[in-house]
Amino acid sequence: MTDDELKRALREHAYLEGDFVLRSGKRSQYYLDKYRFETRPDLLGALGERIAGAVREHAPRATRLAGPELGAVALAAAGSLASGLPFLIVRKAAKEYGTAKRVEGVYEEGECVCVVEDVVTSGGALVEAVEALRQAGLIVRTAVCVVDREEGGADALARQSVELRPIFVAADLVNMRKNPAKPHG
């Protein structure tokens, strides 16, 4: 699947118009429903390949991926399968039973981790995941997301010394016509 085909498929399957409240509390006239692309094997596989490529290019020292629960876990798994790098799951809070961990999976302190995220708006959830990974003794310098809404998330991460590397920006999807005319030929 080419980048243009993937972009068009994300627009077709995940772009919704209406009145939405985002996790950040902001209101938006559009919403990118991550579950509409993360639950489709064709899109998830293509995204896993893009994530693996972005990690190779922008975080070559990463030895693991990490995905905040729940939304990014499927993406981290897809990126793991495509890259061969193991992945970690970052819980919103430590569980109160069993091992009582916030970061799930096998790792060693000092390892470099690339965080994977679905849609980034203000970056709040991603900053929380970075903090949890760092508290566990891991190094985080790079985050890869499927879509950056370009509403402050990259800046919030930069303040934490983390570079955000989006596969797409929201304008790529928002400005695309729903059913473009087919080229003649």
N, C-alpha and C. Protein backbone atom coordinates (compact mmCIF):
# COMPACT_ATOMS: atom_id res chain seq x y z
N MET A 1 0.85 -1.17 0.00
CA MET A 1 0.00 0.00 0.00
C MET A 1 0.90 1.24 0.00
N THR A 2 0.67 2.14 -0.95
CA THR A 2 1.47 3.37 -1.02
C THR A 2 1.03 4.33 0.10
N ASP A 3 1.85 5.36 0.33
CA ASP A 3 1.49 6.36 1.33
C ASP A 3 0.17 7.04 0.97
N ASP A 4 -0.02 7.35 -0.31
CA ASP A 4 -1.28 7.98 -0.72
C ASP A 4 -2.47 7.06 -0.52
N GLU A 5 -2.29 5.78 -0.81
CA GLU A 5 -3.38 4.83 -0.59
C GLU A 5 -3.70 4.69 0.89
N LEU A 6 -2.67 4.66 1.72
CA LEU A 6 -2.87 4.55 3.16
C LEU A 6 -3.56 5.81 3.69
N LYS A 7 -3.12 6.95 3.24
CA LYS A 7 -3.73 8.21 3.66
C LYS A 7 -5.21 8.24 3.28
N ARG A 8 -5.49 7.83 2.06
CA ARG A 8 -6.88 7.81 1.58
C ARG A 8 -7.72 6.82 2.39
N ALA A 9 -7.14 5.66 2.72
CA ALA A 9 -7.86 4.65 3.50
C ALA A 9 -8.13 5.16 4.92
N LEU A 10 -7.16 5.85 5.53
CA LEU A 10 -7.39 6.42 6.86
C LEU A 10 -8.51 7.44 6.81
N ARG A 11 -8.50 8.28 5.79
CA ARG A 11 -9.56 9.29 5.63
C ARG A 11 -10.92 8.58 5.47
N GLU A 12 -10.95 7.60 4.62
CA GLU A 12 -12.22 6.90 4.33
C GLU A 12 -12.77 6.17 5.55
N HIS A 13 -11.91 5.53 6.32
CA HIS A 13 -12.38 4.67 7.40
C HIS A 13 -12.40 5.31 8.79
N ALA A 14 -11.61 6.37 9.01
CA ALA A 14 -11.48 6.88 10.38
C ALA A 14 -11.87 8.34 10.56
N TYR A 15 -12.03 9.08 9.48
CA TYR A 15 -12.31 10.51 9.59
C TYR A 15 -13.82 10.73 9.75
N LEU A 16 -14.20 11.37 10.84
CA LEU A 16 -15.61 11.65 11.12
C LEU A 16 -15.79 13.15 11.31
N GLU A 17 -16.91 13.69 10.83
CA GLU A 17 -17.22 15.10 11.03
C GLU A 17 -18.39 15.22 11.98
N GLY A 18 -18.40 16.28 12.79
CA GLY A 18 -19.46 16.51 13.77
C GLY A 18 -18.93 17.41 14.86
N ASP A 19 -19.48 17.26 16.05
CA ASP A 19 -19.03 18.03 17.21
C ASP A 19 -18.48 17.05 18.23
N PHE A 20 -17.17 17.07 18.45
CA PHE A 20 -16.51 16.09 19.29
C PHE A 20 -15.72 16.77 20.41
N VAL A 21 -15.69 16.13 21.57
CA VAL A 21 -14.81 16.56 22.65
C VAL A 21 -13.63 15.60 22.64
N LEU A 22 -12.43 16.16 22.56
CA LEU A 22 -11.22 15.35 22.51
C LEU A 22 -10.73 15.07 23.93
N ARG A 23 -9.79 14.14 24.06
CA ARG A 23 -9.23 13.79 25.38
C ARG A 23 -8.68 15.03 26.08
N SER A 24 -8.13 15.95 25.29
CA SER A 24 -7.55 17.18 25.84
C SER A 24 -8.61 18.12 26.41
N GLY A 25 -9.89 17.83 26.12
CA GLY A 25 -10.98 18.70 26.55
C GLY A 25 -11.38 19.70 25.48
N LYS A 26 -10.57 19.82 24.44
CA LYS A 26 -10.89 20.73 23.33
C LYS A 26 -12.04 20.15 22.52
N ARG A 27 -12.76 21.05 21.88
CA ARG A 27 -13.82 20.63 20.96
C ARG A 27 -13.26 20.66 19.54
N SER A 28 -13.77 19.77 18.71
CA SER A 28 -13.31 19.70 17.33
C SER A 28 -14.48 19.36 16.41
N GLN A 29 -14.41 19.85 15.20
CA GLN A 29 -15.45 19.54 14.21
C GLN A 29 -15.10 18.27 13.43
N TYR A 30 -13.96 17.67 13.75
CA TYR A 30 -13.63 16.38 13.14
C TYR A 30 -12.95 15.50 14.18
N TYR A 31 -13.02 14.20 13.93
CA TYR A 31 -12.45 13.22 14.84
C TYR A 31 -11.83 12.12 14.01
N LEU A 32 -10.63 11.68 14.41
CA LEU A 32 -9.99 10.55 13.76
C LEU A 32 -10.14 9.36 14.70
N ASP A 33 -11.05 8.47 14.36
CA ASP A 33 -11.38 7.34 15.22
C ASP A 33 -10.35 6.22 15.02
N LYS A 34 -9.39 6.18 15.95
CA LYS A 34 -8.28 5.23 15.84
C LYS A 34 -8.74 3.78 15.78
N TYR A 35 -9.84 3.47 16.43
CA TYR A 35 -10.29 2.08 16.43
C TYR A 35 -10.80 1.66 15.06
N ARG A 36 -11.17 2.61 14.24
CA ARG A 36 -11.61 2.29 12.89
C ARG A 36 -10.46 1.95 11.96
N PHE A 37 -9.24 2.34 12.34
CA PHE A 37 -8.10 1.89 11.53
C PHE A 37 -7.26 0.83 12.24
N GLU A 38 -7.26 0.82 13.56
CA GLU A 38 -6.46 -0.16 14.29
C GLU A 38 -7.08 -1.56 14.27
N THR A 39 -8.34 -1.66 13.97
CA THR A 39 -9.02 -2.96 13.97
C THR A 39 -9.13 -3.57 12.57
N ARG A 40 -8.55 -2.91 11.59
CA ARG A 40 -8.56 -3.42 10.21
C ARG A 40 -7.18 -4.00 9.91
N PRO A 41 -7.07 -5.30 9.67
CA PRO A 41 -5.76 -5.91 9.43
C PRO A 41 -4.98 -5.26 8.28
N ASP A 42 -5.66 -4.87 7.20
CA ASP A 42 -4.95 -4.26 6.08
C ASP A 42 -4.31 -2.94 6.48
N LEU A 43 -5.03 -2.11 7.22
CA LEU A 43 -4.48 -0.82 7.64
C LEU A 43 -3.47 -1.00 8.77
N LEU A 44 -3.76 -1.88 9.70
CA LEU A 44 -2.85 -2.12 10.82
C LEU A 44 -1.50 -2.65 10.31
N GLY A 45 -1.53 -3.55 9.36
CA GLY A 45 -0.29 -4.08 8.78
C GLY A 45 0.52 -3.00 8.09
N ALA A 46 -0.15 -2.17 7.29
CA ALA A 46 0.54 -1.07 6.60
C ALA A 46 1.10 -0.07 7.60
N LEU A 47 0.35 0.21 8.65
CA LEU A 47 0.83 1.14 9.67
C LEU A 47 2.02 0.55 10.44
N GLY A 48 1.97 -0.76 10.70
CA GLY A 48 3.10 -1.41 11.36
C GLY A 48 4.38 -1.27 10.55
N GLU A 49 4.27 -1.40 9.23
CA GLU A 49 5.43 -1.22 8.35
C GLU A 49 5.94 0.22 8.42
N ARG A 50 5.02 1.21 8.42
CA ARG A 50 5.42 2.62 8.49
C ARG A 50 6.08 2.92 9.84
N ILE A 51 5.53 2.34 10.91
CA ILE A 51 6.10 2.55 12.25
C ILE A 51 7.51 1.97 12.29
N ALA A 52 7.68 0.76 11.79
CA ALA A 52 9.01 0.13 11.78
C ALA A 52 10.00 0.97 10.98
N GLY A 53 9.57 1.51 9.85
CA GLY A 53 10.44 2.35 9.03
C GLY A 53 10.81 3.64 9.75
N ALA A 54 9.84 4.25 10.42
CA ALA A 54 10.11 5.49 11.16
C ALA A 54 11.07 5.24 12.31
N VAL A 55 10.92 4.10 12.98
CA VAL A 55 11.83 3.77 14.09
C VAL A 55 13.24 3.55 13.55
N ARG A 56 13.37 2.82 12.45
CA ARG A 56 14.70 2.60 11.85
C ARG A 56 15.36 3.94 11.49
N GLU A 57 14.56 4.86 10.95
CA GLU A 57 15.10 6.14 10.50
C GLU A 57 15.37 7.12 11.64
N HIS A 58 14.42 7.25 12.57
CA HIS A 58 14.48 8.32 13.56
C HIS A 58 14.89 7.86 14.97
N ALA A 59 14.85 6.57 15.22
CA ALA A 59 15.23 6.05 16.55
C ALA A 59 16.03 4.76 16.39
N PRO A 60 17.13 4.82 15.63
CA PRO A 60 17.87 3.59 15.34
C PRO A 60 18.47 2.92 16.57
N ARG A 61 18.60 3.65 17.68
CA ARG A 61 19.16 3.07 18.91
C ARG A 61 18.10 2.39 19.77
N ALA A 62 16.84 2.52 19.37
CA ALA A 62 15.76 1.89 20.16
C ALA A 62 15.88 0.38 20.10
N THR A 63 15.74 -0.24 21.27
CA THR A 63 15.77 -1.70 21.34
C THR A 63 14.38 -2.25 21.63
N ARG A 64 13.44 -1.35 21.92
CA ARG A 64 12.06 -1.74 22.20
C ARG A 64 11.13 -0.64 21.75
N LEU A 65 9.89 -1.03 21.50
CA LEU A 65 8.80 -0.08 21.27
C LEU A 65 7.96 -0.07 22.54
N ALA A 66 7.16 0.96 22.71
CA ALA A 66 6.23 1.01 23.84
C ALA A 66 4.94 1.66 23.36
N GLY A 67 3.82 1.09 23.78
CA GLY A 67 2.52 1.63 23.41
C GLY A 67 1.66 1.88 24.63
N PRO A 68 1.18 3.12 24.81
CA PRO A 68 0.26 3.39 25.92
C PRO A 68 -1.06 2.65 25.70
N GLU A 69 -1.60 2.11 26.81
CA GLU A 69 -2.89 1.42 26.69
C GLU A 69 -3.98 2.44 26.43
N LEU A 70 -5.01 2.12 25.86
CA LEU A 70 -5.41 0.96 25.11
C LEU A 70 -5.15 1.19 23.64
N GLY A 71 -5.28 2.42 23.23
CA GLY A 71 -5.25 2.74 21.81
C GLY A 71 -4.00 2.37 21.06
N ALA A 72 -2.83 2.50 21.67
CA ALA A 72 -1.60 2.29 20.92
C ALA A 72 -1.05 0.87 21.02
N VAL A 73 -1.67 0.02 21.78
CA VAL A 73 -1.15 -1.34 21.96
C VAL A 73 -1.15 -2.11 20.63
N ALA A 74 -2.23 -2.03 19.89
CA ALA A 74 -2.27 -2.73 18.60
C ALA A 74 -1.21 -2.18 17.65
N LEU A 75 -1.00 -0.87 17.67
CA LEU A 75 0.02 -0.26 16.81
C LEU A 75 1.42 -0.69 17.23
N ALA A 76 1.68 -0.74 18.53
CA ALA A 76 2.99 -1.19 19.02
C ALA A 76 3.22 -2.64 18.62
N ALA A 77 2.18 -3.46 18.71
CA ALA A 77 2.31 -4.87 18.30
C ALA A 77 2.58 -4.98 16.81
N ALA A 78 1.89 -4.18 16.00
CA ALA A 78 2.11 -4.21 14.55
C ALA A 78 3.52 -3.73 14.23
N GLY A 79 3.97 -2.67 14.90
CA GLY A 79 5.32 -2.18 14.69
C GLY A 79 6.36 -3.19 15.14
N SER A 80 6.06 -3.91 16.21
CA SER A 80 6.95 -4.95 16.71
C SER A 80 7.09 -6.08 15.69
N LEU A 81 5.98 -6.52 15.15
CA LEU A 81 6.01 -7.59 14.16
C LEU A 81 6.79 -7.17 12.92
N ALA A 82 6.61 -5.91 12.49
CA ALA A 82 7.28 -5.44 11.27
C ALA A 82 8.76 -5.16 11.50
N SER A 83 9.15 -4.77 12.71
CA SER A 83 10.54 -4.40 12.98
C SER A 83 11.36 -5.49 13.64
N GLY A 84 10.67 -6.42 14.30
CA GLY A 84 11.38 -7.44 15.07
C GLY A 84 11.77 -6.96 16.46
N LEU A 85 11.41 -5.72 16.81
CA LEU A 85 11.70 -5.20 18.15
C LEU A 85 10.60 -5.60 19.11
N PRO A 86 10.93 -6.06 20.31
CA PRO A 86 9.89 -6.36 21.29
C PRO A 86 9.21 -5.07 21.73
N PHE A 87 8.03 -5.20 22.33
CA PHE A 87 7.34 -3.99 22.76
C PHE A 87 6.86 -4.10 24.20
N LEU A 88 6.62 -2.94 24.77
CA LEU A 88 6.12 -2.80 26.13
C LEU A 88 4.75 -2.15 26.07
N ILE A 89 3.96 -2.41 27.09
CA ILE A 89 2.65 -1.76 27.23
C ILE A 89 2.72 -0.85 28.45
N VAL A 90 2.34 0.40 28.26
CA VAL A 90 2.34 1.36 29.36
C VAL A 90 0.91 1.52 29.85
N ARG A 91 0.66 1.09 31.07
CA ARG A 91 -0.67 1.22 31.66
C ARG A 91 -0.92 2.67 32.07
N LYS A 92 -2.20 3.04 32.13
CA LYS A 92 -2.57 4.38 32.61
C LYS A 92 -2.23 4.51 34.09
N ALA A 93 -2.32 3.41 34.81
CA ALA A 93 -1.97 3.37 36.23
C ALA A 93 -1.49 1.96 36.53
N ALA A 94 -0.64 1.83 37.54
CA ALA A 94 -0.16 0.51 37.93
C ALA A 94 -1.34 -0.33 38.38
N LYS A 95 -1.33 -1.60 37.99
CA LYS A 95 -2.41 -2.47 38.44
C LYS A 95 -2.23 -2.75 39.93
N GLU A 96 -3.31 -3.07 40.59
CA GLU A 96 -3.26 -3.26 42.04
C GLU A 96 -3.16 -4.73 42.44
N TYR A 97 -2.83 -5.59 41.51
CA TYR A 97 -2.73 -7.02 41.79
C TYR A 97 -1.54 -7.58 41.02
N GLY A 98 -1.23 -8.82 41.26
CA GLY A 98 -0.13 -9.49 40.55
C GLY A 98 1.18 -8.76 40.76
N THR A 99 1.82 -8.35 39.68
CA THR A 99 3.12 -7.69 39.77
C THR A 99 3.01 -6.19 40.06
N ALA A 100 1.82 -5.63 39.99
CA ALA A 100 1.56 -4.21 40.28
C ALA A 100 2.44 -3.28 39.43
N LYS A 101 2.65 -3.64 38.19
CA LYS A 101 3.50 -2.85 37.30
C LYS A 101 2.69 -1.84 36.49
N ARG A 102 3.34 -0.75 36.14
CA ARG A 102 2.75 0.22 35.22
C ARG A 102 3.27 -0.05 33.81
N VAL A 103 4.49 -0.53 33.70
CA VAL A 103 5.08 -0.88 32.41
C VAL A 103 5.15 -2.40 32.31
N GLU A 104 4.43 -2.95 31.36
CA GLU A 104 4.34 -4.40 31.19
C GLU A 104 5.25 -4.87 30.06
N GLY A 105 5.92 -5.98 30.30
CA GLY A 105 6.83 -6.55 29.32
C GLY A 105 8.21 -6.66 29.95
N VAL A 106 9.11 -7.29 29.23
CA VAL A 106 10.47 -7.52 29.74
C VAL A 106 11.39 -6.43 29.21
N TYR A 107 12.16 -5.83 30.11
CA TYR A 107 13.11 -4.79 29.72
C TYR A 107 14.18 -4.67 30.80
N GLU A 108 15.24 -3.95 30.46
CA GLU A 108 16.29 -3.68 31.42
C GLU A 108 16.50 -2.18 31.50
N GLU A 109 16.79 -1.70 32.69
CA GLU A 109 17.05 -0.27 32.87
C GLU A 109 18.13 0.17 31.89
N GLY A 110 17.96 1.39 31.38
CA GLY A 110 18.94 1.96 30.47
C GLY A 110 18.68 1.68 29.01
N GLU A 111 17.70 0.82 28.70
CA GLU A 111 17.38 0.55 27.30
C GLU A 111 16.68 1.77 26.68
N CYS A 112 16.91 1.94 25.39
CA CYS A 112 16.28 3.02 24.64
C CYS A 112 14.97 2.51 24.04
N VAL A 113 13.90 3.27 24.27
CA VAL A 113 12.56 2.86 23.84
C VAL A 113 11.97 3.94 22.94
N CYS A 114 11.31 3.55 21.87
CA CYS A 114 10.56 4.47 21.03
C CYS A 114 9.08 4.27 21.33
N VAL A 115 8.40 5.34 21.70
CA VAL A 115 6.98 5.25 22.03
C VAL A 115 6.16 5.37 20.76
N VAL A 116 5.12 4.56 20.66
CA VAL A 116 4.21 4.55 19.52
C VAL A 116 2.86 5.06 20.00
N GLU A 117 2.24 5.93 19.21
CA GLU A 117 0.93 6.48 19.58
C GLU A 117 0.05 6.55 18.34
N ASP A 118 -1.24 6.63 18.55
CA ASP A 118 -2.18 6.69 17.44
C ASP A 118 -2.34 8.13 16.96
N VAL A 119 -3.18 8.91 17.63
CA VAL A 119 -3.45 10.29 17.25
C VAL A 119 -2.98 11.20 18.39
N VAL A 120 -2.17 12.19 18.06
CA VAL A 120 -1.65 13.12 19.07
C VAL A 120 -2.30 14.49 18.87
N THR A 121 -2.88 15.01 19.95
CA THR A 121 -3.45 16.36 19.94
C THR A 121 -2.58 17.25 20.81
N SER A 122 -2.85 17.28 22.10
CA SER A 122 -2.05 18.10 23.03
C SER A 122 -0.82 17.35 23.52
N GLY A 123 -0.80 16.05 23.36
CA GLY A 123 0.34 15.24 23.79
C GLY A 123 0.27 14.80 25.24
N GLY A 124 -0.81 15.11 25.95
CA GLY A 124 -0.91 14.80 27.37
C GLY A 124 -0.73 13.33 27.70
N ALA A 125 -1.42 12.45 27.00
CA ALA A 125 -1.32 11.02 27.27
C ALA A 125 0.08 10.50 26.96
N LEU A 126 0.67 11.03 25.90
CA LEU A 126 2.00 10.60 25.50
C LEU A 126 3.06 11.06 26.51
N VAL A 127 2.92 12.28 27.01
CA VAL A 127 3.85 12.78 28.03
C VAL A 127 3.75 11.90 29.28
N GLU A 128 2.55 11.52 29.67
CA GLU A 128 2.37 10.64 30.84
C GLU A 128 3.05 9.29 30.61
N ALA A 129 2.95 8.74 29.40
CA ALA A 129 3.59 7.46 29.09
C ALA A 129 5.11 7.59 29.14
N VAL A 130 5.62 8.70 28.60
CA VAL A 130 7.07 8.94 28.63
C VAL A 130 7.55 9.01 30.08
N GLU A 131 6.82 9.72 30.93
CA GLU A 131 7.19 9.82 32.34
C GLU A 131 7.21 8.45 33.01
N ALA A 132 6.22 7.60 32.72
CA ALA A 132 6.18 6.26 33.31
C ALA A 132 7.36 5.42 32.83
N LEU A 133 7.70 5.51 31.56
CA LEU A 133 8.83 4.76 31.03
C LEU A 133 10.15 5.23 31.66
N ARG A 134 10.28 6.53 31.81
CA ARG A 134 11.50 7.06 32.41
C ARG A 134 11.59 6.68 33.89
N GLN A 135 10.47 6.66 34.58
CA GLN A 135 10.47 6.23 35.99
C GLN A 135 10.90 4.77 36.11
N ALA A 136 10.65 4.00 35.05
CA ALA A 136 11.06 2.59 35.04
C ALA A 136 12.53 2.44 34.64
N GLY A 137 13.21 3.57 34.40
CA GLY A 137 14.62 3.52 34.08
C GLY A 137 14.95 3.41 32.60
N LEU A 138 13.95 3.66 31.75
CA LEU A 138 14.16 3.56 30.31
C LEU A 138 14.45 4.93 29.70
N ILE A 139 15.13 4.93 28.58
CA ILE A 139 15.47 6.16 27.86
C ILE A 139 14.46 6.35 26.74
N VAL A 140 13.85 7.53 26.68
CA VAL A 140 12.88 7.85 25.63
C VAL A 140 13.28 9.17 25.00
N ARG A 141 13.56 9.14 23.69
CA ARG A 141 13.92 10.35 22.96
C ARG A 141 13.02 10.59 21.76
N THR A 142 12.29 9.54 21.35
CA THR A 142 11.50 9.64 20.12
C THR A 142 10.13 9.00 20.32
N ALA A 143 9.14 9.62 19.70
CA ALA A 143 7.79 9.04 19.65
C ALA A 143 7.34 9.07 18.20
N VAL A 144 6.69 8.00 17.77
CA VAL A 144 6.13 7.91 16.43
C VAL A 144 4.62 7.82 16.57
N CYS A 145 3.91 8.65 15.82
CA CYS A 145 2.45 8.57 15.86
C CYS A 145 1.91 8.41 14.45
N VAL A 146 0.68 7.91 14.36
CA VAL A 146 0.04 7.76 13.05
C VAL A 146 -0.36 9.14 12.54
N VAL A 147 -1.03 9.94 13.39
CA VAL A 147 -1.47 11.27 12.97
C VAL A 147 -1.19 12.29 14.07
N ASP A 148 -0.54 13.37 13.70
CA ASP A 148 -0.35 14.52 14.59
C ASP A 148 -1.38 15.56 14.18
N ARG A 149 -2.27 15.92 15.11
CA ARG A 149 -3.28 16.94 14.82
C ARG A 149 -2.68 18.34 14.78
N GLU A 150 -1.40 18.44 15.13
CA GLU A 150 -0.68 19.72 15.13
C GLU A 150 -1.36 20.77 16.02
N GLU A 151 -1.70 20.32 17.23
CA GLU A 151 -2.36 21.20 18.19
C GLU A 151 -1.58 21.27 19.50
N GLY A 152 -0.25 21.22 19.40
CA GLY A 152 0.58 21.40 20.58
C GLY A 152 1.27 20.15 21.09
N GLY A 153 0.94 19.00 20.58
CA GLY A 153 1.54 17.76 21.07
C GLY A 153 3.04 17.69 20.85
N ALA A 154 3.50 18.10 19.68
CA ALA A 154 4.94 18.06 19.39
C ALA A 154 5.70 18.98 20.34
N ASP A 155 5.13 20.15 20.64
CA ASP A 155 5.77 21.09 21.57
C ASP A 155 5.80 20.53 22.98
N ALA A 156 4.71 19.91 23.42
CA ALA A 156 4.66 19.32 24.76
C ALA A 156 5.72 18.23 24.90
N LEU A 157 5.90 17.43 23.87
CA LEU A 157 6.92 16.38 23.90
C LEU A 157 8.32 16.98 23.84
N ALA A 158 8.50 18.03 23.03
CA ALA A 158 9.82 18.67 22.94
C ALA A 158 10.25 19.20 24.30
N ARG A 159 9.29 19.69 25.09
CA ARG A 159 9.63 20.16 26.45
C ARG A 159 10.11 19.01 27.33
N GLN A 160 9.82 17.78 26.94
CA GLN A 160 10.29 16.59 27.66
C GLN A 160 11.50 15.96 26.95
N SER A 161 12.06 16.70 25.99
CA SER A 161 13.21 16.23 25.19
C SER A 161 12.87 14.97 24.39
N VAL A 162 11.64 14.94 23.87
CA VAL A 162 11.19 13.84 23.02
C VAL A 162 10.76 14.44 21.68
N GLU A 163 11.26 13.85 20.60
CA GLU A 163 10.91 14.32 19.27
C GLU A 163 9.74 13.49 18.73
N LEU A 164 8.70 14.18 18.28
CA LEU A 164 7.54 13.50 17.70
C LEU A 164 7.75 13.36 16.21
N ARG A 165 7.59 12.14 15.72
CA ARG A 165 7.72 11.82 14.30
C ARG A 165 6.41 11.25 13.78
N PRO A 166 5.55 12.10 13.21
CA PRO A 166 4.27 11.61 12.71
C PRO A 166 4.41 10.94 11.34
N ILE A 167 3.58 9.94 11.11
CA ILE A 167 3.50 9.34 9.79
C ILE A 167 2.70 10.28 8.88
N PHE A 168 1.63 10.85 9.44
CA PHE A 168 0.82 11.85 8.74
C PHE A 168 0.50 12.98 9.70
N VAL A 169 0.18 14.14 9.15
CA VAL A 169 -0.38 15.22 9.95
C VAL A 169 -1.84 15.34 9.58
N ALA A 170 -2.63 15.89 10.49
CA ALA A 170 -4.08 15.95 10.28
C ALA A 170 -4.45 16.63 8.96
N ALA A 171 -3.72 17.68 8.61
CA ALA A 171 -4.02 18.39 7.36
C ALA A 171 -3.98 17.46 6.15
N ASP A 172 -3.11 16.43 6.21
CA ASP A 172 -3.05 15.45 5.11
C ASP A 172 -4.40 14.78 4.89
N LEU A 173 -5.12 14.54 5.98
CA LEU A 173 -6.41 13.84 5.90
C LEU A 173 -7.58 14.81 5.79
N VAL A 174 -7.54 15.89 6.57
CA VAL A 174 -8.65 16.83 6.62
C VAL A 174 -8.86 17.52 5.27
N ASN A 175 -7.76 17.88 4.61
CA ASN A 175 -7.86 18.63 3.35
C ASN A 175 -8.08 17.75 2.13
N MET A 176 -8.13 16.46 2.33
CA MET A 176 -8.34 15.53 1.23
C MET A 176 -9.83 15.45 0.91
N ARG A 177 -10.14 15.50 -0.36
CA ARG A 177 -11.55 15.35 -0.74
C ARG A 177 -11.97 13.91 -0.49
N LYS A 178 -13.21 13.76 -0.05
CA LYS A 178 -13.73 12.43 0.30
C LYS A 178 -13.70 11.47 -0.89
N ASN A 179 -14.24 11.89 -2.01
CA ASN A 179 -14.29 11.05 -3.22
C ASN A 179 -13.70 11.81 -4.40
N PRO A 180 -12.39 11.87 -4.50
CA PRO A 180 -11.77 12.65 -5.57
C PRO A 180 -12.08 12.05 -6.93
N ALA A 181 -12.08 12.93 -7.92
CA ALA A 181 -12.31 12.47 -9.30
C ALA A 181 -11.15 11.55 -9.70
N LYS A 182 -11.48 10.52 -10.42
CA LYS A 182 -10.45 9.60 -10.88
C LYS A 182 -9.74 10.24 -12.09
N PRO A 183 -8.43 10.09 -12.16
CA PRO A 183 -7.71 10.67 -13.32
C PRO A 183 -8.13 9.96 -14.60
N HIS A 184 -8.14 10.72 -15.66
CA HIS A 184 -8.46 10.14 -16.98
C HIS A 184 -7.22 9.48 -17.56
N GLY A 185 -7.40 8.47 -18.31
CA GLY A 185 -6.21 7.88 -18.94
C GLY A 185 -6.46 6.54 -19.31
